[in-house]
Amino acid sequence: MPPRAWAGKGPARPEEAGLLADFYHLAVNGDDVPAIIERHADRIAHVQIADAPGRGAPGSGGLPLRRWIDARYATGYDGHVVRHGATATGAARSARSERREPNAGPGQGRRAV
């Protein structure tokens, strides 16, 4: 399992640091999101999503967010998936979080938290 958060004193060692996987920014920057999920599965400690274009709600754009979320859960991830989006004024806001129930299959066992 990836580290949850570093809570010690002094500088963190690299093996103690988890990664934030921001699927929206990875995608709009041209990164290969499935490859990143696979390559860094043991280090991803938090997942953040929004749809593109416009950093909108899931389903408002063209990103395959559900496929990427399911791929991340398939690697053993049991953390939160947090949706971020833009308000009418363009300010970022956290809108919702999801967590998969243990042993749930793709697209199953999710609950809002």
N, C-alpha and C. Protein backbone atom coordinates (compact mmCIF):
# COMPACT_ATOMS: atom_id res chain seq x y z
N MET A 1 0.84 -1.19 0.00
CA MET A 1 0.00 0.00 0.00
C MET A 1 0.88 1.24 0.00
N PRO A 2 0.41 2.27 -0.70
CA PRO A 2 1.18 3.51 -0.70
C PRO A 2 1.07 4.21 0.65
N PRO A 3 2.04 5.04 0.97
CA PRO A 3 1.96 5.79 2.22
C PRO A 3 0.74 6.70 2.21
N ARG A 4 0.11 6.90 3.34
CA ARG A 4 -1.06 7.78 3.44
C ARG A 4 -0.63 9.24 3.49
N ALA A 5 0.19 9.56 4.42
CA ALA A 5 0.70 10.93 4.57
C ALA A 5 1.95 10.85 5.43
N TRP A 6 2.82 11.77 5.21
CA TRP A 6 4.03 11.79 6.01
C TRP A 6 3.75 12.61 7.26
N ALA A 7 3.95 12.02 8.43
CA ALA A 7 3.62 12.69 9.68
C ALA A 7 4.82 12.80 10.61
N GLY A 8 6.00 12.53 10.12
CA GLY A 8 7.18 12.58 10.96
C GLY A 8 7.77 13.97 11.06
N LYS A 9 8.87 14.04 11.77
CA LYS A 9 9.59 15.31 11.91
C LYS A 9 10.83 15.24 11.03
N GLY A 10 11.19 16.35 10.47
CA GLY A 10 12.35 16.40 9.61
C GLY A 10 11.97 16.07 8.17
N PRO A 11 12.95 16.05 7.29
CA PRO A 11 12.66 15.80 5.87
C PRO A 11 12.13 14.39 5.64
N ALA A 12 11.19 14.29 4.72
CA ALA A 12 10.64 12.97 4.35
C ALA A 12 11.63 12.26 3.45
N ARG A 13 11.73 10.96 3.64
CA ARG A 13 12.52 10.14 2.72
C ARG A 13 11.63 9.82 1.53
N PRO A 14 12.19 9.65 0.34
CA PRO A 14 11.37 9.38 -0.85
C PRO A 14 10.42 8.20 -0.68
N GLU A 15 10.85 7.15 0.00
CA GLU A 15 9.99 5.98 0.18
C GLU A 15 8.82 6.26 1.12
N GLU A 16 8.86 7.38 1.84
CA GLU A 16 7.77 7.75 2.74
C GLU A 16 6.75 8.67 2.08
N ALA A 17 7.05 9.13 0.88
CA ALA A 17 6.17 10.09 0.21
C ALA A 17 5.27 9.40 -0.80
N GLY A 18 3.97 9.68 -0.70
CA GLY A 18 3.02 9.18 -1.68
C GLY A 18 2.82 10.21 -2.78
N LEU A 19 2.26 9.76 -3.89
CA LEU A 19 2.02 10.64 -5.02
C LEU A 19 0.54 10.99 -5.12
N LEU A 20 0.26 12.21 -5.56
CA LEU A 20 -1.08 12.64 -5.91
C LEU A 20 -1.24 12.39 -7.40
N ALA A 21 -2.24 11.59 -7.78
CA ALA A 21 -2.53 11.37 -9.20
C ALA A 21 -3.71 12.24 -9.58
N ASP A 22 -3.42 13.35 -10.23
CA ASP A 22 -4.45 14.29 -10.69
C ASP A 22 -4.75 13.94 -12.15
N PHE A 23 -5.77 13.10 -12.35
CA PHE A 23 -6.05 12.59 -13.69
C PHE A 23 -6.35 13.71 -14.68
N TYR A 24 -7.03 14.75 -14.25
CA TYR A 24 -7.33 15.88 -15.16
C TYR A 24 -6.04 16.52 -15.67
N HIS A 25 -5.17 16.92 -14.76
CA HIS A 25 -3.96 17.62 -15.20
C HIS A 25 -3.02 16.70 -15.98
N LEU A 26 -2.95 15.44 -15.59
CA LEU A 26 -2.14 14.51 -16.37
C LEU A 26 -2.65 14.43 -17.81
N ALA A 27 -3.97 14.31 -17.96
CA ALA A 27 -4.56 14.17 -19.30
C ALA A 27 -4.39 15.43 -20.14
N VAL A 28 -4.70 16.60 -19.58
CA VAL A 28 -4.62 17.81 -20.38
C VAL A 28 -3.18 18.19 -20.70
N ASN A 29 -2.23 17.65 -19.93
CA ASN A 29 -0.81 17.88 -20.23
C ASN A 29 -0.25 16.85 -21.20
N GLY A 30 -1.10 15.92 -21.64
CA GLY A 30 -0.68 14.95 -22.65
C GLY A 30 -0.01 13.71 -22.10
N ASP A 31 -0.08 13.49 -20.79
CA ASP A 31 0.53 12.29 -20.21
C ASP A 31 -0.34 11.07 -20.48
N ASP A 32 0.27 9.90 -20.47
CA ASP A 32 -0.42 8.62 -20.66
C ASP A 32 -0.92 8.16 -19.28
N VAL A 33 -2.18 8.50 -18.97
CA VAL A 33 -2.72 8.24 -17.63
C VAL A 33 -2.69 6.75 -17.28
N PRO A 34 -3.16 5.83 -18.15
CA PRO A 34 -3.09 4.41 -17.79
C PRO A 34 -1.66 3.94 -17.49
N ALA A 35 -0.69 4.42 -18.25
CA ALA A 35 0.70 4.03 -18.00
C ALA A 35 1.18 4.55 -16.65
N ILE A 36 0.78 5.75 -16.29
CA ILE A 36 1.16 6.32 -14.99
C ILE A 36 0.53 5.53 -13.86
N ILE A 37 -0.75 5.17 -14.01
CA ILE A 37 -1.42 4.36 -12.99
C ILE A 37 -0.67 3.06 -12.78
N GLU A 38 -0.30 2.41 -13.86
CA GLU A 38 0.41 1.13 -13.77
C GLU A 38 1.81 1.30 -13.20
N ARG A 39 2.54 2.27 -13.72
CA ARG A 39 3.94 2.45 -13.35
C ARG A 39 4.11 2.88 -11.89
N HIS A 40 3.15 3.66 -11.37
CA HIS A 40 3.30 4.22 -10.03
C HIS A 40 2.25 3.69 -9.05
N ALA A 41 1.68 2.51 -9.34
CA ALA A 41 0.61 1.96 -8.51
C ALA A 41 0.99 1.87 -7.03
N ASP A 42 2.24 1.53 -6.75
CA ASP A 42 2.66 1.37 -5.36
C ASP A 42 2.92 2.69 -4.66
N ARG A 43 2.88 3.80 -5.39
CA ARG A 43 3.18 5.11 -4.79
C ARG A 43 2.00 6.07 -4.77
N ILE A 44 0.95 5.80 -5.57
CA ILE A 44 -0.19 6.73 -5.63
C ILE A 44 -0.98 6.62 -4.34
N ALA A 45 -1.05 7.73 -3.59
CA ALA A 45 -1.71 7.75 -2.30
C ALA A 45 -3.02 8.55 -2.32
N HIS A 46 -3.29 9.27 -3.42
CA HIS A 46 -4.50 10.07 -3.51
C HIS A 46 -4.83 10.28 -4.98
N VAL A 47 -6.11 10.25 -5.32
CA VAL A 47 -6.56 10.46 -6.70
C VAL A 47 -7.51 11.64 -6.74
N GLN A 48 -7.28 12.52 -7.69
CA GLN A 48 -8.10 13.71 -7.88
C GLN A 48 -8.56 13.72 -9.33
N ILE A 49 -9.84 14.05 -9.57
CA ILE A 49 -10.37 14.02 -10.92
C ILE A 49 -11.17 15.28 -11.25
N ALA A 50 -11.26 15.56 -12.52
CA ALA A 50 -12.17 16.54 -13.13
C ALA A 50 -12.20 16.17 -14.60
N ASP A 51 -13.24 16.61 -15.31
CA ASP A 51 -13.36 16.27 -16.72
C ASP A 51 -12.85 17.42 -17.58
N ALA A 52 -12.50 17.11 -18.81
CA ALA A 52 -12.00 18.10 -19.75
C ALA A 52 -12.86 18.05 -21.00
N PRO A 53 -13.11 19.19 -21.61
CA PRO A 53 -12.51 20.49 -21.30
C PRO A 53 -13.19 21.17 -20.12
N GLY A 54 -12.53 22.17 -19.58
CA GLY A 54 -13.11 23.05 -18.61
C GLY A 54 -13.05 22.64 -17.16
N ARG A 55 -12.38 21.56 -16.84
CA ARG A 55 -12.26 21.10 -15.45
C ARG A 55 -13.64 20.91 -14.81
N GLY A 56 -14.53 20.29 -15.60
CA GLY A 56 -15.91 20.10 -15.17
C GLY A 56 -16.13 18.81 -14.41
N ALA A 57 -17.41 18.59 -14.10
CA ALA A 57 -17.83 17.38 -13.39
C ALA A 57 -17.62 16.16 -14.28
N PRO A 58 -17.38 14.99 -13.68
CA PRO A 58 -17.24 13.77 -14.48
C PRO A 58 -18.46 13.58 -15.37
N GLY A 59 -18.19 13.24 -16.62
CA GLY A 59 -19.27 13.06 -17.59
C GLY A 59 -19.59 14.30 -18.38
N SER A 60 -19.02 15.44 -17.99
CA SER A 60 -19.29 16.69 -18.72
C SER A 60 -18.34 16.89 -19.88
N GLY A 61 -17.32 16.06 -19.97
CA GLY A 61 -16.33 16.19 -21.04
C GLY A 61 -16.03 14.85 -21.65
N GLY A 62 -14.83 14.69 -22.14
CA GLY A 62 -14.49 13.49 -22.87
C GLY A 62 -13.47 12.57 -22.24
N LEU A 63 -13.05 12.82 -21.00
CA LEU A 63 -12.04 11.95 -20.40
C LEU A 63 -12.66 10.65 -19.90
N PRO A 64 -11.98 9.52 -20.06
CA PRO A 64 -12.49 8.23 -19.59
C PRO A 64 -12.22 8.04 -18.09
N LEU A 65 -12.77 8.91 -17.29
CA LEU A 65 -12.47 8.92 -15.86
C LEU A 65 -12.85 7.61 -15.17
N ARG A 66 -14.03 7.06 -15.46
CA ARG A 66 -14.45 5.81 -14.81
C ARG A 66 -13.46 4.70 -15.13
N ARG A 67 -12.99 4.62 -16.37
CA ARG A 67 -12.01 3.59 -16.75
C ARG A 67 -10.73 3.77 -15.94
N TRP A 68 -10.26 5.00 -15.80
CA TRP A 68 -9.03 5.26 -15.06
C TRP A 68 -9.21 4.98 -13.56
N ILE A 69 -10.36 5.36 -13.02
CA ILE A 69 -10.63 5.09 -11.60
C ILE A 69 -10.66 3.58 -11.35
N ASP A 70 -11.37 2.86 -12.21
CA ASP A 70 -11.44 1.40 -12.06
C ASP A 70 -10.06 0.77 -12.19
N ALA A 71 -9.24 1.30 -13.11
CA ALA A 71 -7.88 0.78 -13.27
C ALA A 71 -7.07 1.02 -12.00
N ARG A 72 -7.25 2.16 -11.38
CA ARG A 72 -6.53 2.45 -10.14
C ARG A 72 -6.98 1.53 -9.02
N TYR A 73 -8.29 1.33 -8.86
CA TYR A 73 -8.80 0.41 -7.85
C TYR A 73 -8.29 -1.01 -8.11
N ALA A 74 -8.16 -1.40 -9.37
CA ALA A 74 -7.71 -2.75 -9.71
C ALA A 74 -6.27 -3.01 -9.25
N THR A 75 -5.51 -1.96 -8.99
CA THR A 75 -4.14 -2.12 -8.50
C THR A 75 -4.08 -2.30 -6.99
N GLY A 76 -5.24 -2.32 -6.33
CA GLY A 76 -5.27 -2.49 -4.89
C GLY A 76 -5.49 -1.21 -4.11
N TYR A 77 -5.68 -0.11 -4.80
CA TYR A 77 -5.92 1.18 -4.13
C TYR A 77 -7.20 1.12 -3.33
N ASP A 78 -7.17 1.63 -2.10
CA ASP A 78 -8.38 1.68 -1.29
C ASP A 78 -8.62 3.08 -0.73
N GLY A 79 -7.98 4.06 -1.35
CA GLY A 79 -8.12 5.44 -0.90
C GLY A 79 -9.29 6.15 -1.56
N HIS A 80 -9.33 7.43 -1.35
CA HIS A 80 -10.39 8.27 -1.88
C HIS A 80 -10.10 8.70 -3.31
N VAL A 81 -11.17 8.95 -4.04
CA VAL A 81 -11.11 9.62 -5.34
C VAL A 81 -11.91 10.91 -5.12
N VAL A 82 -11.25 12.05 -5.26
CA VAL A 82 -11.87 13.33 -4.97
C VAL A 82 -12.10 14.09 -6.27
N ARG A 83 -13.31 14.56 -6.43
CA ARG A 83 -13.66 15.34 -7.62
C ARG A 83 -13.45 16.81 -7.33
N HIS A 84 -12.72 17.44 -8.22
CA HIS A 84 -12.54 18.89 -8.17
C HIS A 84 -13.11 19.46 -9.44
N GLY A 85 -13.67 20.63 -9.35
CA GLY A 85 -14.23 21.26 -10.53
C GLY A 85 -14.19 22.75 -10.40
N ALA A 86 -14.68 23.40 -11.45
CA ALA A 86 -14.69 24.86 -11.47
C ALA A 86 -16.11 25.35 -11.18
N THR A 87 -16.21 26.39 -10.37
CA THR A 87 -17.50 27.03 -10.14
C THR A 87 -17.76 27.99 -11.29
N ALA A 88 -18.89 28.64 -11.26
CA ALA A 88 -19.22 29.60 -12.31
C ALA A 88 -18.19 30.72 -12.36
N THR A 89 -17.55 31.03 -11.25
CA THR A 89 -16.54 32.09 -11.23
C THR A 89 -15.15 31.57 -11.57
N GLY A 90 -15.04 30.25 -11.72
CA GLY A 90 -13.75 29.67 -12.09
C GLY A 90 -12.90 29.25 -10.91
N ALA A 91 -13.36 29.45 -9.70
CA ALA A 91 -12.58 29.06 -8.53
C ALA A 91 -12.69 27.55 -8.34
N ALA A 92 -11.58 26.94 -7.98
CA ALA A 92 -11.58 25.48 -7.77
C ALA A 92 -12.33 25.16 -6.49
N ARG A 93 -13.05 24.03 -6.51
CA ARG A 93 -13.74 23.59 -5.30
C ARG A 93 -13.72 22.08 -5.26
N SER A 94 -13.70 21.54 -4.07
CA SER A 94 -13.81 20.11 -3.90
C SER A 94 -15.28 19.78 -3.82
N ALA A 95 -15.76 18.87 -4.67
CA ALA A 95 -17.18 18.63 -4.76
C ALA A 95 -17.61 17.31 -4.14
N ARG A 96 -16.82 16.29 -4.26
CA ARG A 96 -17.26 14.98 -3.80
C ARG A 96 -16.07 14.04 -3.67
N SER A 97 -16.22 13.06 -2.81
CA SER A 97 -15.21 12.05 -2.65
C SER A 97 -15.87 10.69 -2.76
N GLU A 98 -15.12 9.72 -3.27
CA GLU A 98 -15.63 8.37 -3.44
C GLU A 98 -14.60 7.42 -2.88
N ARG A 99 -15.07 6.32 -2.34
CA ARG A 99 -14.16 5.29 -1.85
C ARG A 99 -14.76 3.94 -2.19
N ARG A 100 -13.94 3.04 -2.67
CA ARG A 100 -14.42 1.71 -3.05
C ARG A 100 -14.44 0.80 -1.83
N GLU A 101 -15.49 0.00 -1.75
CA GLU A 101 -15.59 -1.00 -0.69
C GLU A 101 -14.55 -2.10 -0.97
N PRO A 102 -13.97 -2.70 0.06
CA PRO A 102 -13.00 -3.77 -0.15
C PRO A 102 -13.59 -4.91 -1.00
N ASN A 103 -12.80 -5.45 -1.90
CA ASN A 103 -13.15 -6.58 -2.75
C ASN A 103 -14.25 -6.30 -3.76
N ALA A 104 -14.57 -5.06 -4.01
CA ALA A 104 -15.57 -4.73 -5.01
C ALA A 104 -14.95 -4.79 -6.40
N GLY A 105 -15.73 -5.22 -7.38
CA GLY A 105 -15.26 -5.28 -8.75
C GLY A 105 -15.36 -3.93 -9.42
N PRO A 106 -14.89 -3.81 -10.67
CA PRO A 106 -14.95 -2.55 -11.41
C PRO A 106 -16.39 -2.03 -11.46
N GLY A 107 -16.54 -0.75 -11.15
CA GLY A 107 -17.84 -0.11 -11.22
C GLY A 107 -18.80 -0.50 -10.10
N GLN A 108 -18.33 -1.24 -9.09
CA GLN A 108 -19.19 -1.72 -8.01
C GLN A 108 -18.61 -1.31 -6.67
N GLY A 109 -19.49 -1.25 -5.68
CA GLY A 109 -19.04 -1.09 -4.30
C GLY A 109 -18.51 0.28 -3.95
N ARG A 110 -18.84 1.30 -4.74
CA ARG A 110 -18.37 2.64 -4.40
C ARG A 110 -19.38 3.31 -3.49
N ARG A 111 -18.88 4.17 -2.65
CA ARG A 111 -19.78 4.96 -1.82
C ARG A 111 -19.23 6.35 -1.70
N ALA A 112 -20.12 7.32 -1.69
CA ALA A 112 -19.70 8.70 -1.48
C ALA A 112 -19.37 8.87 -0.02
N VAL A 113 -18.33 9.64 0.25
CA VAL A 113 -17.95 9.92 1.64
C VAL A 113 -17.77 11.40 1.83
